[in-house]
Protein backbone atom coordinates (compact mmCIF):
# COMPACT_ATOMS: atom_id res chain seq x y z
CA MET A 1 -5.76 26.32 -3.10
CA ARG A 2 -7.46 28.98 -5.26
CA ALA A 3 -7.57 26.72 -8.33
CA ASP A 4 -9.58 24.16 -6.32
CA ARG A 5 -12.01 26.88 -5.21
CA LEU A 6 -12.52 28.14 -8.76
CA VAL A 7 -13.37 24.63 -9.96
CA ALA A 8 -15.72 24.14 -7.02
CA THR A 9 -17.32 27.52 -7.74
CA LEU A 10 -17.93 26.60 -11.36
CA LEU A 11 -19.44 23.23 -10.40
CA PHE A 12 -21.68 24.93 -7.83
CA LEU A 13 -22.90 27.44 -10.42
CA GLN A 14 -23.55 24.62 -12.87
CA THR A 15 -25.61 22.72 -10.32
CA ARG A 16 -27.59 25.59 -8.79
CA GLY A 17 -28.03 27.79 -11.85
CA ARG A 18 -27.95 31.02 -9.85
CA VAL A 19 -26.20 31.66 -6.53
CA THR A 20 -25.61 34.59 -4.24
CA VAL A 21 -22.21 35.51 -2.90
CA ALA A 22 -23.40 34.54 0.59
CA GLU A 23 -24.52 31.08 -0.61
CA LEU A 24 -21.21 30.47 -2.36
CA ALA A 25 -19.23 31.61 0.69
CA ALA A 26 -21.20 29.22 2.92
CA GLU A 27 -20.77 26.33 0.48
CA LEU A 28 -17.00 26.77 0.10
CA GLU A 29 -16.48 27.88 3.73
CA THR A 30 -14.81 31.15 2.75
CA SER A 31 -15.52 34.81 3.36
CA GLU A 32 -17.99 36.64 1.13
CA ARG A 33 -15.14 38.84 -0.05
CA THR A 34 -13.16 35.77 -1.19
CA ALA A 35 -16.25 34.28 -2.88
CA ARG A 36 -16.86 37.52 -4.79
CA ARG A 37 -13.22 37.67 -5.94
CA ASP A 38 -13.43 34.07 -7.17
CA LEU A 39 -16.56 34.82 -9.19
CA GLU A 40 -14.92 37.89 -10.69
CA ALA A 41 -11.81 35.83 -11.50
CA LEU A 42 -13.96 33.31 -13.39
CA ALA A 43 -15.54 36.08 -15.40
CA ALA A 44 -12.15 37.65 -16.14
CA SER A 45 -10.80 34.30 -17.35
CA GLY A 46 -13.50 34.01 -20.02
CA VAL A 47 -16.04 31.80 -18.25
CA PRO A 48 -19.54 33.09 -19.19
CA VAL A 49 -20.48 34.25 -15.69
CA TYR A 50 -22.52 37.36 -15.00
CA SER A 51 -24.12 39.04 -11.99
CA GLN A 52 -27.65 40.43 -11.66
CA ARG A 53 -28.47 42.97 -9.01
CA GLY A 54 -31.70 43.40 -7.10
CA ARG A 55 -34.25 41.07 -5.58
CA GLY A 56 -33.80 37.50 -6.84
CA GLY A 57 -30.43 38.41 -8.29
CA GLY A 58 -27.13 36.61 -8.01
CA TRP A 59 -24.47 35.10 -10.19
CA SER A 60 -25.28 32.79 -13.11
CA LEU A 61 -23.75 31.14 -16.14
CA VAL A 62 -24.77 33.08 -19.26
CA GLY A 63 -27.81 31.52 -20.93
CA GLY A 64 -27.75 28.66 -18.41
CA ALA A 65 -24.50 27.45 -19.98
CA ARG A 66 -23.17 24.19 -18.61
CA THR A 67 -19.50 23.37 -18.44
CA ASP A 68 -18.79 19.63 -18.25
CA LEU A 69 -15.50 19.46 -16.39
CA THR A 70 -15.21 15.70 -16.22
CA GLY A 71 -17.40 13.92 -18.74
CA LEU A 72 -18.04 11.29 -16.05
CA THR A 73 -20.86 8.84 -16.58
CA ALA A 74 -23.13 7.61 -13.77
CA ASP A 75 -21.20 4.33 -13.58
CA GLU A 76 -17.89 6.18 -13.42
CA ILE A 77 -19.18 8.43 -10.63
CA ARG A 78 -20.33 5.41 -8.61
CA ALA A 79 -16.91 3.78 -9.09
CA LEU A 80 -15.20 6.99 -7.93
CA PHE A 81 -17.32 7.23 -4.77
CA LEU A 82 -16.90 3.53 -3.97
CA ILE A 83 -13.17 4.25 -3.81
CA ALA A 84 -13.46 7.62 -2.06
CA GLY A 85 -15.92 6.53 0.65
CA PRO A 86 -13.56 4.31 2.71
CA LEU A 87 -10.80 6.93 2.36
CA SER A 88 -12.86 9.75 3.88
CA THR A 89 -11.47 9.28 7.39
CA THR A 90 -10.37 12.87 8.10
CA PRO A 91 -12.53 16.01 8.47
CA ALA A 92 -10.97 17.51 5.33
CA SER A 93 -11.66 14.43 3.19
CA ARG A 94 -15.24 14.14 4.47
CA THR A 95 -15.86 17.80 3.73
CA ALA A 96 -14.44 17.40 0.23
CA LEU A 97 -16.67 14.39 -0.40
CA ARG A 98 -19.78 16.27 0.72
CA LYS A 99 -18.91 19.21 -1.52
CA LEU A 100 -18.37 16.94 -4.47
CA VAL A 101 -21.72 15.24 -3.91
CA ARG A 102 -23.51 18.60 -3.79
CA ALA A 103 -21.70 19.75 -6.93
CA LEU A 104 -23.00 16.81 -8.96
CA PRO A 105 -26.08 17.18 -11.17
CA SER A 106 -29.20 16.21 -9.22
CA PRO A 107 -29.91 12.88 -11.04
CA LEU A 108 -26.45 11.58 -10.13
CA ARG A 109 -26.38 12.54 -6.44
CA SER A 110 -28.34 9.64 -4.98
CA GLY A 111 -26.12 7.03 -6.65
CA ALA A 112 -22.96 8.85 -5.54
CA GLU A 113 -24.19 9.16 -1.95
CA ALA A 114 -25.15 5.47 -1.83
CA ALA A 115 -21.75 4.47 -3.22
CA SER A 116 -19.91 6.62 -0.65
CA ARG A 117 -21.76 4.77 2.16
CA ALA A 118 -21.35 1.28 0.69
CA GLN A 119 -17.93 0.54 2.27
CA ILE A 120 -16.00 1.38 5.39
CA SER A 121 -12.35 0.90 6.30
CA ASP A 122 -11.31 -0.41 9.74
CA GLY A 123 -7.65 0.23 10.55
CA LEU A 124 -7.55 -2.27 13.46
CA ASP A 125 -6.90 -6.00 13.27
CA TRP A 126 -8.87 -8.51 15.36
CA SER A 127 -6.66 -7.88 18.38
CA ARG A 128 -7.58 -4.17 18.07
CA SER A 129 -4.05 -3.21 17.12
CA PRO A 130 -3.43 -0.75 14.26
CA VAL A 131 -2.60 -2.61 11.04
CA ALA A 132 -0.18 0.14 10.05
CA ALA A 133 1.06 3.14 11.96
CA GLN A 134 0.22 5.68 9.28
CA GLY A 135 -1.66 8.69 10.66
CA SER A 136 0.20 11.95 10.32
CA HIS A 137 3.17 10.22 8.63
CA LEU A 138 0.96 9.23 5.70
CA ASP A 139 -0.39 12.77 5.37
CA ALA A 140 3.09 14.30 5.63
CA LEU A 141 4.47 11.93 3.01
CA ARG A 142 1.56 12.59 0.65
CA HIS A 143 2.34 16.29 0.85
CA ALA A 144 6.06 15.65 0.33
CA VAL A 145 5.37 13.53 -2.78
CA VAL A 146 2.94 16.07 -4.28
CA ASP A 147 5.06 19.12 -3.38
CA GLY A 148 8.33 17.44 -4.42
CA ILE A 149 10.14 18.06 -1.10
CA GLN A 150 12.90 15.88 0.37
CA VAL A 151 12.30 14.56 3.91
CA ARG A 152 14.32 13.17 6.79
CA LEU A 153 12.86 9.83 7.81
CA GLY A 154 13.17 8.06 11.11
CA TYR A 155 13.06 4.38 10.19
CA ALA A 156 13.28 1.25 12.36
CA ARG A 157 13.82 -2.16 10.79
CA PRO A 158 12.67 -5.21 12.80
CA GLY A 159 15.17 -5.98 15.54
CA SER A 160 17.21 -2.83 14.89
CA PRO A 161 17.21 0.62 16.51
CA ALA A 162 15.68 3.49 14.54
CA GLY A 163 17.99 5.40 12.22
CA GLU A 164 17.55 8.58 10.24
CA ARG A 165 18.09 9.22 6.54
CA THR A 166 17.23 11.87 3.97
CA VAL A 167 15.19 10.58 1.03
CA HIS A 168 13.51 11.85 -2.14
CA PRO A 169 9.79 10.86 -1.90
CA LEU A 170 8.62 9.72 -5.34
CA GLY A 171 5.31 7.99 -4.65
CA LEU A 172 3.17 5.87 -2.33
CA ALA A 173 2.00 2.31 -2.88
CA SER A 174 -0.45 0.03 -1.07
CA LYS A 175 0.09 -3.75 -0.98
CA ALA A 176 -2.14 -6.19 0.92
CA GLY A 177 -3.38 -3.46 3.25
CA ALA A 178 0.07 -2.04 4.05
CA GLU A 179 1.34 1.34 2.83
CA TYR A 180 4.81 1.89 1.39
CA LEU A 181 6.88 4.90 0.34
CA VAL A 182 8.89 4.67 -2.87
CA ALA A 183 11.86 7.01 -2.51
CA GLY A 184 15.22 7.80 -3.99
CA THR A 185 18.23 7.43 -1.65
CA ASP A 186 22.00 7.69 -1.92
CA ARG A 187 21.93 3.92 -2.56
CA GLY A 188 19.30 4.03 -5.28
CA MET A 189 15.56 3.60 -5.19
CA ARG A 190 14.15 1.94 -2.07
CA ILE A 191 10.83 0.90 -0.46
CA PHE A 192 9.98 2.05 3.09
CA ARG A 193 7.08 0.50 5.00
CA LEU A 194 5.07 3.28 6.63
CA SER A 195 4.42 1.28 9.81
CA ARG A 196 8.20 1.39 10.49
CA ILE A 197 8.56 5.15 10.00
CA THR A 198 9.01 6.93 13.33
CA HIS A 199 9.03 10.55 12.14
CA VAL A 200 8.96 12.67 8.98
CA GLU A 201 10.66 16.07 8.71
CA PRO A 202 10.52 18.09 5.46
CA THR A 203 13.89 19.59 4.55
CA GLY A 204 12.67 22.21 2.06
CA ALA A 205 15.08 20.89 -0.59
CA PRO A 206 13.49 19.82 -3.89
CA VAL A 207 13.13 16.17 -4.84
CA VAL A 208 15.36 14.94 -7.66
CA ARG A 209 13.25 12.65 -9.83
CA PRO A 210 14.95 10.12 -12.13
CA ASP A 211 14.50 10.85 -15.82
CA GLY A 212 11.38 9.17 -17.18
CA PHE A 213 10.29 8.02 -13.71
CA ASP A 214 7.02 6.05 -13.70
CA LEU A 215 5.67 5.03 -10.28
CA ALA A 216 3.85 1.88 -11.46
CA GLU A 217 6.90 0.62 -13.31
CA ALA A 218 9.22 1.46 -10.42
CA TRP A 219 6.94 -0.35 -7.95
CA ARG A 220 6.80 -3.48 -10.10
CA SER A 221 10.58 -3.59 -10.27
CA LEU A 222 11.09 -2.99 -6.54
CA ALA A 223 8.34 -5.44 -5.56
CA ALA A 224 9.82 -8.16 -7.79
CA ARG A 225 13.19 -7.62 -6.15
CA MET A 226 11.61 -7.90 -2.70
CA GLU A 227 9.70 -11.04 -3.65
CA ASP A 228 12.92 -12.64 -4.89
CA ARG A 229 14.49 -12.01 -1.47
CA MET A 230 11.41 -13.40 0.29
CA LEU A 231 11.68 -16.64 -1.72
CA SER A 232 15.44 -17.08 -1.71
CA ALA A 233 15.53 -20.35 0.30
CA THR A 234 13.85 -23.74 -0.24
CA VAL A 235 13.22 -26.49 2.32
CA GLN A 236 12.38 -30.09 1.35
CA ALA A 237 10.31 -32.27 3.66
CA HIS A 238 7.95 -35.23 4.01
CA ALA A 239 4.55 -34.48 5.54
CA ASP A 240 1.34 -36.23 6.54
CA ALA A 241 -1.20 -35.86 3.74
CA ASP A 242 -3.85 -34.60 6.17
CA ALA A 243 -1.52 -31.74 7.16
CA GLU A 244 -1.93 -30.12 3.74
CA PRO A 245 -4.67 -27.64 4.83
CA VAL A 246 -2.49 -26.42 7.71
CA LEU A 247 0.53 -26.14 5.43
CA ARG A 248 -1.53 -24.22 2.85
CA GLY A 249 -2.64 -21.83 5.57
CA LEU A 250 0.95 -21.29 6.69
CA PHE A 251 2.70 -21.00 3.35
CA GLY A 252 0.07 -20.39 0.66
CA SER A 253 1.58 -20.47 -2.82
CA ARG A 254 5.05 -21.00 -1.33
CA LEU A 255 4.07 -24.65 -0.72
CA ARG A 256 4.58 -27.14 -3.54
CA ILE A 257 3.30 -30.73 -3.39
CA MET A 258 5.96 -32.74 -5.21
CA GLY A 259 4.06 -36.03 -5.10
CA PRO A 260 2.61 -38.74 -2.85
CA LEU A 261 4.89 -41.11 -0.95
CA SER A 262 2.04 -43.33 0.24
CA ASN A 263 -1.62 -43.00 1.08
CA SER A 264 -0.77 -40.96 4.16
CA ARG A 265 2.50 -39.17 3.32
CA MET A 266 3.62 -36.70 0.67
CA GLU A 267 6.78 -34.96 -0.48
CA ILE A 268 6.76 -31.16 -0.27
CA GLU A 269 8.93 -28.10 -0.89
CA VAL A 270 8.49 -24.71 0.75
CA ASP A 271 10.11 -21.40 -0.20
CA GLY A 272 10.90 -18.61 2.24
CA PRO A 273 13.31 -15.79 3.10
CA SER A 274 15.69 -18.23 4.87
CA VAL A 275 15.79 -21.91 5.78
CA GLU A 276 15.79 -20.97 9.48
CA VAL A 277 12.52 -19.07 9.14
CA VAL A 278 10.80 -21.86 7.19
CA ALA A 279 12.04 -24.49 9.65
CA ALA A 280 10.75 -22.49 12.61
CA GLN A 281 7.35 -22.20 10.94
CA MET A 282 7.23 -25.95 10.36
CA ALA A 283 8.23 -26.72 13.95
CA GLY A 284 4.66 -26.27 15.18
CA LEU A 285 3.50 -29.31 13.19
CA GLY A 286 5.68 -31.64 15.23
CA ARG A 287 5.96 -35.18 13.85
CA ARG A 288 3.51 -34.45 11.04
CA VAL A 289 6.37 -32.89 9.05
CA GLU A 290 9.92 -34.27 8.72
CA VAL A 291 12.39 -31.78 7.27
CA LEU A 292 14.98 -33.46 5.06
CA ALA A 293 17.09 -30.68 3.54
CA PRO A 294 19.05 -28.52 3.63
CA PRO A 295 21.09 -29.53 6.71
CA LYS A 296 20.84 -26.00 8.12
CA ALA A 297 17.06 -26.41 8.43
CA ARG A 298 17.45 -29.68 10.38
CA GLN A 299 20.02 -28.01 12.63
CA ARG A 300 17.62 -25.19 13.35
CA LEU A 301 14.87 -27.63 14.30
CA ALA A 302 17.23 -29.60 16.54
CA SER A 303 18.20 -26.37 18.29
CA LEU A 304 14.57 -25.40 18.78
CA ALA A 305 13.75 -28.88 20.09
CA GLY A 306 16.54 -28.62 22.65
CA GLU A 307 15.36 -25.21 23.82
CA LEU A 308 11.75 -26.37 24.13
CA ALA A 309 12.70 -29.60 25.93
CA ALA A 310 14.80 -27.65 28.41
CA LEU A 311 11.93 -25.26 29.08
CA TYR A 312 8.94 -27.61 29.04
CA GLY A 313 10.32 -31.15 29.47
CA PRO A 314 10.30 -33.18 32.72
CA ALA A 315 13.67 -31.72 33.70
CA GLY A 316 12.65 -28.20 32.75
CA ASN A 317 12.01 -25.27 35.03
CA ASP A 318 9.14 -25.52 37.53
CA PRO A 319 7.51 -22.07 37.64
CA THR A 320 5.90 -22.71 41.04
CA ALA A 321 9.22 -23.82 42.49
CA ALA A 322 10.96 -20.78 41.07
CA ALA A 323 8.29 -18.61 42.71
CA GLY A 324 8.76 -20.37 46.05
CA GLY A 325 5.42 -22.22 45.85
CA SER A 326 4.75 -25.65 47.30
CA GLY A 327 3.34 -27.10 44.09
CA GLY A 328 0.08 -27.93 45.86
CA PRO A 329 -3.37 -27.49 44.32
CA GLU A 330 -3.54 -23.84 45.31
CA HIS A 331 -0.47 -23.20 43.14
CA SER A 332 -1.50 -25.31 40.16
CA ARG A 333 -4.71 -23.57 39.18
CA THR A 334 -4.76 -22.16 35.66
CA PRO A 335 -4.14 -18.42 35.98
CA HIS A 336 -6.60 -15.98 34.47
CA PRO A 337 -5.34 -13.63 31.76
CA ALA A 338 -4.11 -10.31 33.08
């Protein structure tokens, strides 16, 4: 965008004092003709820029004038680059970061460069799977939000086939490492997790923004609604006291210790999106946790127990028999991972 180039041109002049058209063109990666037009546009807009012909000439700010575009302090610049460094994952963002570093006054550059190298962002979890399928979808949605353009989203909820809908992108939010789109729909404002978006297609139609829309306020309201749904069910149980660390790891703040029953047992409550989900999570602790209520949770555990007994119990399926094996030692060795 030309406005971005004009700002970059002014910063470059401020930093270098005097520049040639060729130097400016190389810095901003434009043609010399474009660089000259930008300098002339600055002069025409009232910025005190002048040109000097001949050997050692170039373009300068009149009287060495300095235009402070930001008023940023050294601490503020370091904070900005600490944030920007991990985000510079594309060629365009890395180029922008380098240009910004070079545009800073000399005493501030070393701190900014150190801050930009102080952090990295790794998009893979420990199994080397992407944490969120963002990529081009994130870029496309950023453009749609900034440009105010409606998009058609392909969206797949867990366990359901992907569907398509037209939405009004209003903003993007990041929560616990996952990215979300806040958008207006025909059913009101909704949250869409970017890792579930299959495709994004701009429609060209303008976004309709609610009157007085504020992204931070909208996110708080939508997130609170989501959290209420995630904590809509409560399961009561008795558990071994030494199981508390495991329970804390599973449920975090959703676990409440109601009180001791004895030296080795305690009464607990756990919140979750449904009693079936909480019960299934507790199933891995076996006899260390006894679910008491509600009845639906006990029924879910009984069903799981029956399925597991049928699969793994003495009367369960024999994999070697099903494969036609004899069950001898050569068939009982532990297989290596594929």
